[in-house]
Amino acid sequence: MSEPARPDPASENPLVHIIDDDVGLRSSLEDLFQSVGYDVASYGNTREFLASREGTRPGCLILDVRLPGANGLDFQEQLAREGWTVPIILISGFGDVPMSVRGIKGGALDFIEKPFRDQDLLDSVAQAIEEGRRRASANQRNDDARRRFASLTPRERNVIELVVNGQLSKQIAFELSISEVTVKLHRAAAMRKLGAKSLIELTRLAQALGL
């Protein structure tokens, strides 16, 4: 039985996450983003965000730099180490140059000081949403490529790895101690399973897989 089709990230309504310990600000931002059609999830601390398991959905994260018992910049770096790809917009009422530089170098898309204009934040979120869609689509393509690669036989994997490293069928046959015809059969079967119709597509898949 074939796998059910996975939702296209571009078709999902974006989700704006908000992590801030100020209940009034969270409520105000929820109203603002919902008024322009975004889904919103807000959290009083980083633990609540991690427990939500919503971070893989296309969207963005608005993260306060100063939180009780936590530092937003440290949390941003933690998310990066753990492989989270949600775009981050940092907000702070105590911004300074070193803080903003650290945040941007750490991958944040923007650093906005409180108090801010609603439109400035909306513009920043719109850009982050587009980046979030791009990242979600790329993640889905990579996940699909890994699943297809896992379906290959060990010999098909050997052949494909050597093909993308630039070796010719004759060289692969010699290295694997098989016939050139067998190499071509394994290559054709592997490309069919991977959905690659050309060497260029195969190379792109290999790059996505880190081969």
N, C-alpha and C. Protein backbone atom coordinates (compact mmCIF):
# COMPACT_ATOMS: atom_id res chain seq x y z
N MET A 1 0.85 -1.19 0.00
CA MET A 1 0.00 0.00 0.00
C MET A 1 0.89 1.23 0.00
N SER A 2 0.58 2.21 -0.86
CA SER A 2 1.39 3.42 -0.94
C SER A 2 1.10 4.33 0.25
N GLU A 3 2.10 5.17 0.60
CA GLU A 3 1.94 6.09 1.72
C GLU A 3 0.93 7.17 1.37
N PRO A 4 0.14 7.63 2.34
CA PRO A 4 -0.79 8.73 2.07
C PRO A 4 -0.01 9.98 1.71
N ALA A 5 -0.61 10.79 0.85
CA ALA A 5 0.06 12.02 0.43
C ALA A 5 0.26 12.95 1.63
N ARG A 6 1.43 13.51 1.72
CA ARG A 6 1.71 14.44 2.80
C ARG A 6 1.24 15.82 2.40
N PRO A 7 0.74 16.62 3.34
CA PRO A 7 0.25 17.96 3.00
C PRO A 7 1.38 18.83 2.47
N ASP A 8 1.07 19.62 1.47
CA ASP A 8 2.03 20.57 0.93
C ASP A 8 2.18 21.71 1.91
N PRO A 9 3.43 22.00 2.39
CA PRO A 9 3.61 23.09 3.35
C PRO A 9 3.05 24.41 2.86
N ALA A 10 3.07 24.62 1.54
CA ALA A 10 2.58 25.89 1.00
C ALA A 10 1.08 26.05 1.18
N SER A 11 0.35 24.92 1.40
CA SER A 11 -1.11 24.98 1.51
C SER A 11 -1.58 25.10 2.96
N GLU A 12 -0.68 24.93 3.92
CA GLU A 12 -1.06 24.98 5.33
C GLU A 12 -1.11 26.44 5.81
N ASN A 13 -2.11 26.73 6.64
CA ASN A 13 -2.19 28.08 7.19
C ASN A 13 -1.03 28.28 8.16
N PRO A 14 -0.28 29.38 8.01
CA PRO A 14 0.90 29.57 8.86
C PRO A 14 0.54 29.75 10.33
N LEU A 15 1.44 29.28 11.18
CA LEU A 15 1.25 29.35 12.62
C LEU A 15 2.32 30.26 13.22
N VAL A 16 1.89 31.32 13.88
CA VAL A 16 2.81 32.24 14.54
C VAL A 16 2.92 31.85 16.01
N HIS A 17 4.12 31.47 16.43
CA HIS A 17 4.38 31.16 17.84
C HIS A 17 4.85 32.42 18.55
N ILE A 18 4.43 32.58 19.79
CA ILE A 18 4.86 33.72 20.60
C ILE A 18 5.33 33.17 21.95
N ILE A 19 6.59 33.48 22.31
CA ILE A 19 7.08 33.13 23.65
C ILE A 19 7.41 34.42 24.38
N ASP A 20 6.60 34.74 25.37
CA ASP A 20 6.80 35.97 26.15
C ASP A 20 6.08 35.78 27.48
N ASP A 21 6.70 36.21 28.55
CA ASP A 21 6.07 36.02 29.87
C ASP A 21 5.04 37.09 30.19
N ASP A 22 4.91 38.11 29.33
CA ASP A 22 3.94 39.18 29.53
C ASP A 22 2.59 38.74 28.96
N VAL A 23 1.66 38.40 29.84
CA VAL A 23 0.36 37.88 29.41
C VAL A 23 -0.38 38.91 28.56
N GLY A 24 -0.34 40.18 28.96
CA GLY A 24 -1.03 41.22 28.21
C GLY A 24 -0.49 41.37 26.80
N LEU A 25 0.83 41.32 26.66
CA LEU A 25 1.43 41.44 25.33
C LEU A 25 1.08 40.24 24.47
N ARG A 26 1.11 39.05 25.06
CA ARG A 26 0.76 37.85 24.30
C ARG A 26 -0.67 37.95 23.77
N SER A 27 -1.58 38.40 24.63
CA SER A 27 -2.98 38.53 24.22
C SER A 27 -3.14 39.54 23.10
N SER A 28 -2.42 40.65 23.22
CA SER A 28 -2.49 41.69 22.19
C SER A 28 -1.95 41.19 20.86
N LEU A 29 -0.84 40.45 20.90
CA LEU A 29 -0.26 39.93 19.66
C LEU A 29 -1.14 38.84 19.05
N GLU A 30 -1.75 38.03 19.90
CA GLU A 30 -2.69 37.01 19.38
C GLU A 30 -3.79 37.69 18.57
N ASP A 31 -4.38 38.74 19.13
CA ASP A 31 -5.45 39.46 18.43
C ASP A 31 -4.94 40.07 17.12
N LEU A 32 -3.74 40.62 17.16
CA LEU A 32 -3.17 41.26 15.97
C LEU A 32 -2.99 40.25 14.84
N PHE A 33 -2.38 39.12 15.15
CA PHE A 33 -2.09 38.15 14.09
C PHE A 33 -3.34 37.42 13.61
N GLN A 34 -4.25 37.15 14.53
CA GLN A 34 -5.50 36.52 14.11
C GLN A 34 -6.32 37.46 13.22
N SER A 35 -6.17 38.76 13.42
CA SER A 35 -6.93 39.72 12.62
C SER A 35 -6.49 39.73 11.16
N VAL A 36 -5.28 39.24 10.87
CA VAL A 36 -4.81 39.17 9.49
C VAL A 36 -4.77 37.74 8.96
N GLY A 37 -5.39 36.82 9.71
CA GLY A 37 -5.58 35.47 9.19
C GLY A 37 -4.58 34.42 9.62
N TYR A 38 -3.66 34.74 10.52
CA TYR A 38 -2.70 33.75 10.97
C TYR A 38 -3.27 32.94 12.12
N ASP A 39 -2.89 31.68 12.20
CA ASP A 39 -3.13 30.91 13.41
C ASP A 39 -2.04 31.31 14.41
N VAL A 40 -2.38 31.30 15.70
CA VAL A 40 -1.45 31.76 16.72
C VAL A 40 -1.40 30.77 17.87
N ALA A 41 -0.19 30.55 18.38
CA ALA A 41 0.00 29.76 19.61
C ALA A 41 0.96 30.53 20.49
N SER A 42 0.58 30.78 21.74
CA SER A 42 1.45 31.57 22.61
C SER A 42 1.81 30.77 23.86
N TYR A 43 2.98 31.10 24.40
CA TYR A 43 3.54 30.36 25.52
C TYR A 43 4.20 31.34 26.49
N GLY A 44 4.11 31.01 27.77
CA GLY A 44 4.71 31.86 28.77
C GLY A 44 6.18 31.58 28.99
N ASN A 45 6.66 30.43 28.50
CA ASN A 45 8.07 30.09 28.66
C ASN A 45 8.48 29.10 27.57
N THR A 46 9.76 28.82 27.50
CA THR A 46 10.29 27.96 26.44
C THR A 46 9.85 26.50 26.61
N ARG A 47 9.65 26.07 27.84
CA ARG A 47 9.23 24.68 28.08
C ARG A 47 7.87 24.41 27.44
N GLU A 48 6.96 25.36 27.55
CA GLU A 48 5.63 25.18 26.96
C GLU A 48 5.74 25.06 25.44
N PHE A 49 6.61 25.85 24.84
CA PHE A 49 6.79 25.77 23.39
C PHE A 49 7.32 24.40 22.98
N LEU A 50 8.35 23.91 23.67
CA LEU A 50 8.92 22.61 23.32
C LEU A 50 7.91 21.48 23.51
N ALA A 51 7.05 21.62 24.52
CA ALA A 51 6.06 20.58 24.79
C ALA A 51 4.94 20.57 23.76
N SER A 52 4.77 21.68 23.01
CA SER A 52 3.65 21.78 22.08
C SER A 52 3.83 20.91 20.84
N ARG A 53 5.09 20.64 20.47
CA ARG A 53 5.40 19.84 19.27
C ARG A 53 4.77 20.42 18.00
N GLU A 54 4.64 21.73 17.96
CA GLU A 54 4.06 22.38 16.78
C GLU A 54 5.13 23.02 15.89
N GLY A 55 6.40 22.86 16.26
CA GLY A 55 7.46 23.58 15.59
C GLY A 55 7.72 23.17 14.15
N THR A 56 7.18 22.03 13.72
CA THR A 56 7.43 21.60 12.34
C THR A 56 6.43 22.21 11.35
N ARG A 57 5.40 22.86 11.83
CA ARG A 57 4.41 23.47 10.95
C ARG A 57 4.94 24.79 10.38
N PRO A 58 4.68 25.10 9.12
CA PRO A 58 5.17 26.36 8.55
C PRO A 58 4.70 27.55 9.38
N GLY A 59 5.60 28.45 9.65
CA GLY A 59 5.26 29.62 10.44
C GLY A 59 6.52 30.30 10.93
N CYS A 60 6.44 30.94 12.09
CA CYS A 60 7.62 31.60 12.65
C CYS A 60 7.46 31.68 14.16
N LEU A 61 8.53 32.07 14.81
CA LEU A 61 8.55 32.18 16.27
C LEU A 61 8.97 33.58 16.66
N ILE A 62 8.11 34.25 17.45
CA ILE A 62 8.45 35.54 18.03
C ILE A 62 8.93 35.25 19.45
N LEU A 63 10.19 35.53 19.71
CA LEU A 63 10.85 35.10 20.93
C LEU A 63 11.37 36.30 21.73
N ASP A 64 10.87 36.45 22.96
CA ASP A 64 11.38 37.51 23.84
C ASP A 64 12.78 37.13 24.31
N VAL A 65 13.68 38.09 24.29
CA VAL A 65 15.06 37.81 24.67
C VAL A 65 15.19 37.55 26.17
N ARG A 66 14.41 38.27 26.97
CA ARG A 66 14.52 38.14 28.42
C ARG A 66 13.28 37.42 28.96
N LEU A 67 13.49 36.20 29.44
CA LEU A 67 12.42 35.40 30.00
C LEU A 67 12.82 34.93 31.40
N PRO A 68 11.85 34.71 32.30
CA PRO A 68 12.17 34.23 33.64
C PRO A 68 12.93 32.91 33.59
N GLY A 69 14.12 32.90 34.13
CA GLY A 69 14.89 31.67 34.18
C GLY A 69 15.46 31.23 32.86
N ALA A 70 15.38 32.06 31.84
CA ALA A 70 15.88 31.66 30.52
C ALA A 70 16.34 32.88 29.75
N ASN A 71 17.23 32.64 28.81
CA ASN A 71 17.71 33.69 27.93
C ASN A 71 17.28 33.32 26.51
N GLY A 72 16.56 34.24 25.85
CA GLY A 72 16.06 33.93 24.52
C GLY A 72 17.16 33.64 23.52
N LEU A 73 18.31 34.30 23.65
CA LEU A 73 19.43 34.06 22.74
C LEU A 73 20.00 32.66 22.95
N ASP A 74 20.09 32.24 24.21
CA ASP A 74 20.55 30.88 24.49
C ASP A 74 19.56 29.86 23.93
N PHE A 75 18.26 30.16 24.07
CA PHE A 75 17.24 29.24 23.57
C PHE A 75 17.29 29.16 22.05
N GLN A 76 17.52 30.28 21.40
CA GLN A 76 17.66 30.28 19.95
C GLN A 76 18.81 29.35 19.53
N GLU A 77 19.93 29.43 20.22
CA GLU A 77 21.08 28.58 19.90
C GLU A 77 20.76 27.12 20.19
N GLN A 78 19.98 26.86 21.24
CA GLN A 78 19.58 25.49 21.55
C GLN A 78 18.73 24.91 20.42
N LEU A 79 17.78 25.70 19.93
CA LEU A 79 16.93 25.23 18.83
C LEU A 79 17.76 24.90 17.60
N ALA A 80 18.75 25.74 17.31
CA ALA A 80 19.61 25.50 16.15
C ALA A 80 20.39 24.20 16.32
N ARG A 81 20.93 23.97 17.51
CA ARG A 81 21.68 22.73 17.76
C ARG A 81 20.80 21.50 17.60
N GLU A 82 19.53 21.63 17.98
CA GLU A 82 18.62 20.48 17.93
C GLU A 82 17.95 20.32 16.57
N GLY A 83 18.30 21.18 15.61
CA GLY A 83 17.81 21.01 14.25
C GLY A 83 16.49 21.67 13.94
N TRP A 84 15.99 22.54 14.82
CA TRP A 84 14.76 23.27 14.53
C TRP A 84 15.03 24.28 13.42
N THR A 85 14.09 24.42 12.51
CA THR A 85 14.29 25.35 11.39
C THR A 85 13.26 26.47 11.36
N VAL A 86 12.45 26.60 12.40
CA VAL A 86 11.43 27.65 12.43
C VAL A 86 12.12 29.01 12.44
N PRO A 87 11.75 29.93 11.52
CA PRO A 87 12.35 31.27 11.52
C PRO A 87 12.02 32.03 12.81
N ILE A 88 13.00 32.76 13.32
CA ILE A 88 12.85 33.43 14.61
C ILE A 88 12.95 34.94 14.47
N ILE A 89 12.02 35.63 15.12
CA ILE A 89 12.07 37.08 15.26
C ILE A 89 12.26 37.36 16.74
N LEU A 90 13.36 38.02 17.10
CA LEU A 90 13.63 38.34 18.49
C LEU A 90 13.01 39.69 18.85
N ILE A 91 12.44 39.77 20.05
CA ILE A 91 11.91 41.04 20.54
C ILE A 91 12.48 41.29 21.92
N SER A 92 12.68 42.56 22.27
CA SER A 92 13.24 42.88 23.58
C SER A 92 12.96 44.32 23.95
N GLY A 93 12.72 44.54 25.21
CA GLY A 93 12.57 45.90 25.71
C GLY A 93 13.88 46.46 26.21
N PHE A 94 14.95 45.65 26.13
CA PHE A 94 16.26 46.06 26.63
C PHE A 94 17.33 45.77 25.59
N GLY A 95 17.01 46.02 24.32
CA GLY A 95 17.94 45.70 23.25
C GLY A 95 19.18 46.56 23.27
N ASP A 96 20.30 45.96 22.89
CA ASP A 96 21.53 46.70 22.68
C ASP A 96 22.23 46.09 21.48
N VAL A 97 23.27 46.77 21.01
CA VAL A 97 23.94 46.33 19.79
C VAL A 97 24.53 44.92 19.91
N PRO A 98 25.32 44.62 20.96
CA PRO A 98 25.87 43.26 21.06
C PRO A 98 24.79 42.18 21.07
N MET A 99 23.68 42.47 21.77
CA MET A 99 22.59 41.50 21.84
C MET A 99 21.99 41.26 20.46
N SER A 100 21.72 42.33 19.73
CA SER A 100 21.11 42.18 18.41
C SER A 100 22.07 41.50 17.44
N VAL A 101 23.37 41.84 17.53
CA VAL A 101 24.35 41.20 16.65
C VAL A 101 24.42 39.70 16.92
N ARG A 102 24.43 39.32 18.19
CA ARG A 102 24.46 37.90 18.54
C ARG A 102 23.22 37.18 18.00
N GLY A 103 22.06 37.82 18.13
CA GLY A 103 20.83 37.21 17.66
C GLY A 103 20.81 37.00 16.16
N ILE A 104 21.24 38.01 15.41
CA ILE A 104 21.24 37.90 13.96
C ILE A 104 22.27 36.89 13.50
N LYS A 105 23.46 36.93 14.11
CA LYS A 105 24.48 35.94 13.76
C LYS A 105 24.03 34.53 14.08
N GLY A 106 23.18 34.40 15.11
CA GLY A 106 22.66 33.09 15.50
C GLY A 106 21.55 32.60 14.60
N GLY A 107 21.13 33.42 13.62
CA GLY A 107 20.14 32.97 12.66
C GLY A 107 18.80 33.65 12.73
N ALA A 108 18.61 34.57 13.68
CA ALA A 108 17.33 35.29 13.75
C ALA A 108 17.13 36.12 12.49
N LEU A 109 15.88 36.20 12.03
CA LEU A 109 15.59 36.99 10.83
C LEU A 109 15.46 38.47 11.14
N ASP A 110 15.12 38.79 12.39
CA ASP A 110 14.96 40.20 12.75
C ASP A 110 15.11 40.35 14.25
N PHE A 111 15.42 41.57 14.68
CA PHE A 111 15.52 41.91 16.11
C PHE A 111 14.75 43.22 16.28
N ILE A 112 13.64 43.16 17.01
CA ILE A 112 12.75 44.31 17.13
C ILE A 112 12.67 44.73 18.60
N GLU A 113 12.87 46.02 18.84
CA GLU A 113 12.81 46.53 20.21
C GLU A 113 11.40 46.96 20.58
N LYS A 114 11.01 46.67 21.83
CA LYS A 114 9.75 47.15 22.37
C LYS A 114 9.92 48.59 22.83
N PRO A 115 8.88 49.41 22.73
CA PRO A 115 7.60 49.14 22.05
C PRO A 115 7.78 49.24 20.54
N PHE A 116 7.01 48.47 19.80
CA PHE A 116 7.14 48.46 18.35
C PHE A 116 5.80 48.78 17.71
N ARG A 117 5.87 49.24 16.49
CA ARG A 117 4.66 49.49 15.71
C ARG A 117 4.10 48.15 15.21
N ASP A 118 2.77 48.01 15.27
CA ASP A 118 2.15 46.77 14.80
C ASP A 118 2.57 46.45 13.37
N GLN A 119 2.59 47.47 12.51
CA GLN A 119 2.89 47.22 11.11
C GLN A 119 4.32 46.73 10.92
N ASP A 120 5.25 47.24 11.71
CA ASP A 120 6.63 46.78 11.60
C ASP A 120 6.73 45.29 11.93
N LEU A 121 6.02 44.89 12.97
CA LEU A 121 6.04 43.48 13.36
C LEU A 121 5.33 42.63 12.31
N LEU A 122 4.20 43.11 11.79
CA LEU A 122 3.49 42.36 10.76
C LEU A 122 4.34 42.17 9.51
N ASP A 123 5.08 43.21 9.13
CA ASP A 123 5.95 43.10 7.95
C ASP A 123 7.04 42.06 8.18
N SER A 124 7.61 42.08 9.38
CA SER A 124 8.66 41.13 9.71
C SER A 124 8.12 39.71 9.74
N VAL A 125 6.93 39.54 10.29
CA VAL A 125 6.32 38.21 10.35
C VAL A 125 5.99 37.70 8.95
N ALA A 126 5.51 38.57 8.08
CA ALA A 126 5.20 38.14 6.70
C ALA A 126 6.44 37.60 6.01
N GLN A 127 7.58 38.26 6.20
CA GLN A 127 8.83 37.79 5.61
C GLN A 127 9.25 36.46 6.24
N ALA A 128 9.07 36.35 7.55
CA ALA A 128 9.44 35.12 8.23
C ALA A 128 8.55 33.95 7.81
N ILE A 129 7.26 34.23 7.57
CA ILE A 129 6.33 33.19 7.12
C ILE A 129 6.79 32.62 5.78
N GLU A 130 7.18 33.50 4.86
CA GLU A 130 7.65 33.04 3.55
C GLU A 130 8.91 32.20 3.70
N GLU A 131 9.80 32.64 4.58
CA GLU A 131 11.01 31.85 4.82
C GLU A 131 10.66 30.51 5.46
N GLY A 132 9.66 30.52 6.35
CA GLY A 132 9.22 29.28 6.98
C GLY A 132 8.65 28.30 5.98
N ARG A 133 7.89 28.80 5.00
CA ARG A 133 7.34 27.93 3.95
C ARG A 133 8.48 27.32 3.13
N ARG A 134 9.47 28.15 2.81
CA ARG A 134 10.59 27.65 2.01
C ARG A 134 11.33 26.55 2.76
N ARG A 135 11.57 26.79 4.05
CA ARG A 135 12.27 25.78 4.85
C ARG A 135 11.46 24.51 4.99
N ALA A 136 10.14 24.65 5.21
CA ALA A 136 9.29 23.47 5.37
C ALA A 136 9.26 22.64 4.10
N SER A 137 9.20 23.31 2.93
CA SER A 137 9.21 22.59 1.66
C SER A 137 10.53 21.86 1.47
N ALA A 138 11.64 22.54 1.82
CA ALA A 138 12.95 21.91 1.68
C ALA A 138 13.07 20.72 2.63
N ASN A 139 12.57 20.85 3.85
CA ASN A 139 12.61 19.74 4.80
C ASN A 139 11.81 18.55 4.29
N GLN A 140 10.64 18.84 3.70
CA GLN A 140 9.81 17.75 3.19
C GLN A 140 10.50 17.04 2.03
N ARG A 141 11.12 17.82 1.13
CA ARG A 141 11.84 17.20 0.02
C ARG A 141 12.98 16.31 0.54
N ASN A 142 13.70 16.80 1.54
CA ASN A 142 14.80 16.02 2.10
C ASN A 142 14.30 14.75 2.79
N ASP A 143 13.18 14.86 3.51
CA ASP A 143 12.60 13.69 4.17
C ASP A 143 12.17 12.66 3.13
N ASP A 144 11.54 13.13 2.05
CA ASP A 144 11.12 12.23 0.99
C ASP A 144 12.32 11.54 0.35
N ALA A 145 13.39 12.30 0.13
CA ALA A 145 14.60 11.73 -0.47
C ALA A 145 15.21 10.66 0.43
N ARG A 146 15.22 10.91 1.75
CA ARG A 146 15.77 9.92 2.68
C ARG A 146 14.94 8.65 2.70
N ARG A 147 13.61 8.78 2.61
CA ARG A 147 12.76 7.59 2.58
C ARG A 147 12.99 6.79 1.30
N ARG A 148 13.12 7.49 0.19
CA ARG A 148 13.36 6.77 -1.06
C ARG A 148 14.73 6.09 -1.06
N PHE A 149 15.73 6.79 -0.51
CA PHE A 149 17.06 6.20 -0.46
C PHE A 149 17.07 4.96 0.42
N ALA A 150 16.28 4.98 1.50
CA ALA A 150 16.22 3.83 2.41
C ALA A 150 15.62 2.61 1.73
N SER A 151 14.88 2.81 0.63
CA SER A 151 14.26 1.68 -0.08
C SER A 151 15.23 0.97 -1.02
N LEU A 152 16.42 1.53 -1.23
CA LEU A 152 17.40 0.92 -2.14
C LEU A 152 18.04 -0.30 -1.49
N THR A 153 18.44 -1.24 -2.33
CA THR A 153 19.22 -2.38 -1.84
C THR A 153 20.64 -1.91 -1.55
N PRO A 154 21.39 -2.65 -0.73
CA PRO A 154 22.78 -2.24 -0.46
C PRO A 154 23.61 -2.05 -1.73
N ARG A 155 23.43 -2.93 -2.73
CA ARG A 155 24.20 -2.81 -3.96
C ARG A 155 23.78 -1.57 -4.75
N GLU A 156 22.48 -1.28 -4.77
CA GLU A 156 22.01 -0.07 -5.46
C GLU A 156 22.59 1.18 -4.81
N ARG A 157 22.68 1.18 -3.49
CA ARG A 157 23.27 2.32 -2.79
C ARG A 157 24.74 2.48 -3.17
N ASN A 158 25.47 1.35 -3.20
CA ASN A 158 26.88 1.40 -3.59
C ASN A 158 27.05 2.03 -4.96
N VAL A 159 26.23 1.58 -5.90
CA VAL A 159 26.34 2.07 -7.26
C VAL A 159 26.02 3.56 -7.33
N ILE A 160 24.93 3.98 -6.69
CA ILE A 160 24.52 5.38 -6.75
C ILE A 160 25.58 6.29 -6.11
N GLU A 161 26.13 5.87 -4.99
CA GLU A 161 27.16 6.68 -4.33
C GLU A 161 28.36 6.88 -5.24
N LEU A 162 28.73 5.84 -5.99
CA LEU A 162 29.87 5.94 -6.89
C LEU A 162 29.51 6.77 -8.13
N VAL A 163 28.28 6.65 -8.59
CA VAL A 163 27.84 7.44 -9.75
C VAL A 163 27.92 8.93 -9.43
N VAL A 164 27.38 9.34 -8.28
CA VAL A 164 27.36 10.76 -7.96
C VAL A 164 28.75 11.29 -7.61
N ASN A 165 29.70 10.37 -7.35
CA ASN A 165 31.08 10.77 -7.14
C ASN A 165 31.85 10.86 -8.45
N GLY A 166 31.12 10.66 -9.56
CA GLY A 166 31.72 10.89 -10.87
C GLY A 166 32.35 9.70 -11.54
N GLN A 167 32.16 8.51 -11.00
CA GLN A 167 32.77 7.33 -11.61
C GLN A 167 31.91 6.81 -12.76
N LEU A 168 32.57 6.29 -13.78
CA LEU A 168 31.89 5.71 -14.94
C LEU A 168 31.48 4.28 -14.63
N SER A 169 30.56 3.76 -15.44
CA SER A 169 30.07 2.40 -15.22
C SER A 169 31.20 1.38 -15.22
N LYS A 170 32.17 1.56 -16.12
CA LYS A 170 33.30 0.64 -16.19
C LYS A 170 34.12 0.67 -14.90
N GLN A 171 34.32 1.87 -14.35
CA GLN A 171 35.08 2.00 -13.11
C GLN A 171 34.32 1.40 -11.93
N ILE A 172 33.00 1.63 -11.91
CA ILE A 172 32.18 1.08 -10.83
C ILE A 172 32.18 -0.44 -10.88
N ALA A 173 32.08 -0.99 -12.08
CA ALA A 173 32.09 -2.44 -12.25
C ALA A 173 33.38 -3.04 -11.71
N PHE A 174 34.49 -2.38 -12.00
CA PHE A 174 35.79 -2.88 -11.52
C PHE A 174 35.87 -2.80 -10.00
N GLU A 175 35.43 -1.68 -9.44
CA GLU A 175 35.52 -1.49 -7.99
C GLU A 175 34.64 -2.46 -7.24
N LEU A 176 33.44 -2.75 -7.77
CA LEU A 176 32.49 -3.63 -7.08
C LEU A 176 32.59 -5.09 -7.52
N SER A 177 33.48 -5.34 -8.48
CA SER A 177 33.68 -6.71 -9.00
C SER A 177 32.39 -7.29 -9.57
N ILE A 178 31.68 -6.48 -10.34
CA ILE A 178 30.49 -6.93 -11.05
C ILE A 178 30.60 -6.48 -12.50
N SER A 179 29.70 -6.96 -13.34
CA SER A 179 29.77 -6.59 -14.76
C SER A 179 29.23 -5.18 -14.98
N GLU A 180 29.63 -4.59 -16.09
CA GLU A 180 29.15 -3.25 -16.43
C GLU A 180 27.65 -3.26 -16.66
N VAL A 181 27.14 -4.35 -17.25
CA VAL A 181 25.70 -4.48 -17.47
C VAL A 181 24.95 -4.48 -16.14
N THR A 182 25.50 -5.18 -15.16
CA THR A 182 24.88 -5.23 -13.84
C THR A 182 24.87 -3.85 -13.19
N VAL A 183 25.95 -3.11 -13.37
CA VAL A 183 26.02 -1.74 -12.84
C VAL A 183 24.88 -0.90 -13.42
N LYS A 184 24.68 -1.00 -14.73
CA LYS A 184 23.65 -0.20 -15.39
C LYS A 184 22.26 -0.61 -14.92
N LEU A 185 22.06 -1.91 -14.66
CA LEU A 185 20.76 -2.37 -14.17
C LEU A 185 20.49 -1.83 -12.76
N HIS A 186 21.52 -1.88 -11.90
CA HIS A 186 21.36 -1.34 -10.54
C HIS A 186 21.12 0.16 -10.58
N ARG A 187 21.82 0.86 -11.45
CA ARG A 187 21.67 2.31 -11.54
C ARG A 187 20.26 2.67 -12.01
N ALA A 188 19.75 1.95 -13.00
CA ALA A 188 18.41 2.22 -13.52
C ALA A 188 17.35 1.95 -12.45
N ALA A 189 17.51 0.84 -11.72
CA ALA A 189 16.55 0.49 -10.67
C ALA A 189 16.57 1.53 -9.55
N ALA A 190 17.76 1.97 -9.18
CA ALA A 190 17.89 2.95 -8.11
C ALA A 190 17.29 4.29 -8.52
N MET A 191 17.57 4.72 -9.74
CA MET A 191 17.04 6.01 -10.19
C MET A 191 15.52 5.97 -10.26
N ARG A 192 14.97 4.81 -10.64
CA ARG A 192 13.52 4.68 -10.69
C ARG A 192 12.92 4.79 -9.28
N LYS A 193 13.53 4.12 -8.30
CA LYS A 193 13.04 4.20 -6.93
C LYS A 193 13.18 5.61 -6.36
N LEU A 194 14.25 6.30 -6.74
CA LEU A 194 14.50 7.64 -6.23
C LEU A 194 13.69 8.71 -6.96
N GLY A 195 13.09 8.32 -8.09
CA GLY A 195 12.33 9.29 -8.86
C GLY A 195 13.20 10.27 -9.60
N ALA A 196 14.45 9.90 -9.84
CA ALA A 196 15.40 10.76 -10.56
C ALA A 196 15.41 10.37 -12.04
N LYS A 197 15.10 11.34 -12.91
CA LYS A 197 15.02 11.05 -14.33
C LYS A 197 16.30 11.40 -15.08
N SER A 198 17.24 12.01 -14.39
CA SER A 198 18.50 12.39 -15.03
C SER A 198 19.61 12.40 -14.00
N LEU A 199 20.84 12.47 -14.48
CA LEU A 199 21.98 12.52 -13.57
C LEU A 199 21.96 13.81 -12.75
N ILE A 200 21.44 14.89 -13.34
CA ILE A 200 21.35 16.15 -12.61
C ILE A 200 20.40 16.01 -11.42
N GLU A 201 19.23 15.40 -11.64
CA GLU A 201 18.28 15.19 -10.54
C GLU A 201 18.87 14.27 -9.49
N LEU A 202 19.59 13.25 -9.94
CA LEU A 202 20.22 12.32 -9.00
C LEU A 202 21.26 13.04 -8.15
N THR A 203 22.03 13.91 -8.76
CA THR A 203 23.05 14.66 -8.04
C THR A 203 22.42 15.59 -7.00
N ARG A 204 21.30 16.22 -7.36
CA ARG A 204 20.61 17.09 -6.40
C ARG A 204 20.09 16.30 -5.21
N LEU A 205 19.56 15.11 -5.50
CA LEU A 205 19.09 14.26 -4.40
C LEU A 205 20.24 13.86 -3.50
N ALA A 206 21.37 13.53 -4.13
CA ALA A 206 22.54 13.12 -3.35
C ALA A 206 23.03 14.25 -2.47
N GLN A 207 22.99 15.48 -2.97
CA GLN A 207 23.40 16.63 -2.17
C GLN A 207 22.46 16.82 -0.99
N ALA A 208 21.16 16.63 -1.22
CA ALA A 208 20.19 16.76 -0.13
C ALA A 208 20.43 15.70 0.94
N LEU A 209 20.91 14.53 0.52
CA LEU A 209 21.16 13.44 1.45
C LEU A 209 22.56 13.49 2.06
N GLY A 210 23.38 14.40 1.56
CA GLY A 210 24.74 14.53 2.08
C GLY A 210 25.66 13.43 1.61
N LEU A 211 25.37 12.86 0.43
CA LEU A 211 26.23 11.79 -0.09
C LEU A 211 27.47 12.37 -0.74
